[in-house]
């Protein structure tokens, strides 16, 4: 007898990282288009631009420079 293998469906893990003003705008557009299945991260030196981001994770660059 042969054992039936356990089949596990693997889903891709997609992370979109937008850097700077253009990257932040691109991420906001993707979120506005209801792109699903991806995690969104935005990194920027501009705190005001980060505050306007719709991304779930924000990284402020250059804080301790």
C-alpha atoms as a PDB file:
ATOM      1  CA  UNK A   1       0.000   0.000   0.000  1.00  0.00           C
ATOM      2  CA  UNK A   2       1.111   3.494  -0.732  1.00  0.00           C
ATOM      3  CA  UNK A   3       0.422   6.294   1.689  1.00  0.00           C
ATOM      4  CA  UNK A   4      -1.282   9.350   0.243  1.00  0.00           C
ATOM      5  CA  UNK A   5       0.976  12.345   0.787  1.00  0.00           C
ATOM      6  CA  UNK A   6      -0.404  15.327   2.625  1.00  0.00           C
ATOM      7  CA  UNK A   7      -0.795  18.036   0.045  1.00  0.00           C
ATOM      8  CA  UNK A   8      -0.388  21.544   1.345  1.00  0.00           C
ATOM      9  CA  UNK A   9      -1.344  24.451  -0.857  1.00  0.00           C
ATOM     10  CA  UNK A  10       1.397  27.051  -0.663  1.00  0.00           C
ATOM     11  CA  UNK A  11       0.523  30.657  -1.346  1.00  0.00           C
ATOM     12  CA  UNK A  12       3.120  33.172  -2.434  1.00  0.00           C
ATOM     13  CA  UNK A  13       4.113  35.821   0.065  1.00  0.00           C
ATOM     14  CA  UNK A  14       4.289  39.184  -1.689  1.00  0.00           C
ATOM     15  CA  UNK A  15       5.602  42.360  -0.079  1.00  0.00           C
ATOM     16  CA  UNK A  16       5.527  45.647  -1.967  1.00  0.00           C
ATOM     17  CA  UNK A  17       7.962  48.276  -0.672  1.00  0.00           C
ATOM     18  CA  UNK A  18       7.557  51.856  -1.876  1.00  0.00           C
ATOM     19  CA  UNK A  19      10.505  54.183  -1.244  1.00  0.00           C
ATOM     20  CA  UNK A  20      10.261  57.967  -1.488  1.00  0.00           C
ATOM     21  CA  UNK A  21       7.423  60.033  -2.888  1.00  0.00           C
ATOM     22  CA  UNK A  22       7.018  58.037  -6.091  1.00  0.00           C
ATOM     23  CA  UNK A  23       7.109  54.712  -4.290  1.00  0.00           C
ATOM     24  CA  UNK A  24       4.568  55.931  -1.757  1.00  0.00           C
ATOM     25  CA  UNK A  25       2.256  57.112  -4.547  1.00  0.00           C
ATOM     26  CA  UNK A  26       2.588  53.765  -6.328  1.00  0.00           C
ATOM     27  CA  UNK A  27       1.680  51.878  -3.140  1.00  0.00           C
ATOM     28  CA  UNK A  28      -1.315  54.161  -2.503  1.00  0.00           C
ATOM     29  CA  UNK A  29      -2.532  53.542  -6.071  1.00  0.00           C
ATOM     30  CA  UNK A  30      -2.221  49.768  -5.622  1.00  0.00           C
ATOM     31  CA  UNK A  31      -4.179  49.933  -2.369  1.00  0.00           C
ATOM     32  CA  UNK A  32      -6.828  52.169  -3.994  1.00  0.00           C
ATOM     33  CA  UNK A  33      -7.217  49.551  -6.759  1.00  0.00           C
ATOM     34  CA  UNK A  34      -7.925  46.926  -4.052  1.00  0.00           C
ATOM     35  CA  UNK A  35      -4.867  44.851  -4.915  1.00  0.00           C
ATOM     36  CA  UNK A  36      -5.113  41.840  -2.603  1.00  0.00           C
ATOM     37  CA  UNK A  37      -2.641  39.263  -1.416  1.00  0.00           C
ATOM     38  CA  UNK A  38       0.254  41.619  -0.751  1.00  0.00           C
ATOM     39  CA  UNK A  39       1.657  43.397   2.268  1.00  0.00           C
ATOM     40  CA  UNK A  40       2.440  47.078   1.692  1.00  0.00           C
ATOM     41  CA  UNK A  41       5.346  48.976   3.245  1.00  0.00           C
ATOM     42  CA  UNK A  42       6.310  52.601   2.600  1.00  0.00           C
ATOM     43  CA  UNK A  43       9.661  54.179   3.533  1.00  0.00           C
ATOM     44  CA  UNK A  44      10.355  57.899   3.307  1.00  0.00           C
ATOM     45  CA  UNK A  45      12.320  60.690   4.993  1.00  0.00           C
ATOM     46  CA  UNK A  46       9.249  62.948   4.844  1.00  0.00           C
ATOM     47  CA  UNK A  47       7.032  62.421   7.909  1.00  0.00           C
ATOM     48  CA  UNK A  48       4.120  64.283   6.286  1.00  0.00           C
ATOM     49  CA  UNK A  49       4.213  61.992   3.252  1.00  0.00           C
ATOM     50  CA  UNK A  50       4.236  58.963   5.555  1.00  0.00           C
ATOM     51  CA  UNK A  51       1.209  60.316   7.412  1.00  0.00           C
ATOM     52  CA  UNK A  52      -0.716  60.408   4.108  1.00  0.00           C
ATOM     53  CA  UNK A  53       0.207  56.824   3.201  1.00  0.00           C
ATOM     54  CA  UNK A  54      -2.418  54.077   3.160  1.00  0.00           C
ATOM     55  CA  UNK A  55       0.215  51.365   3.733  1.00  0.00           C
ATOM     56  CA  UNK A  56      -0.061  49.124   6.782  1.00  0.00           C
ATOM     57  CA  UNK A  57       3.636  49.536   7.667  1.00  0.00           C
ATOM     58  CA  UNK A  58       5.547  52.809   7.593  1.00  0.00           C
ATOM     59  CA  UNK A  59       9.291  53.374   7.979  1.00  0.00           C
ATOM     60  CA  UNK A  60      10.711  56.852   8.518  1.00  0.00           C
ATOM     61  CA  UNK A  61      14.211  57.077   7.080  1.00  0.00           C
ATOM     62  CA  UNK A  62      16.981  59.358   8.335  1.00  0.00           C
ATOM     63  CA  UNK A  63      15.574  59.944  11.822  1.00  0.00           C
ATOM     64  CA  UNK A  64      18.954  59.448  13.533  1.00  0.00           C
ATOM     65  CA  UNK A  65      21.128  60.869  10.765  1.00  0.00           C
END
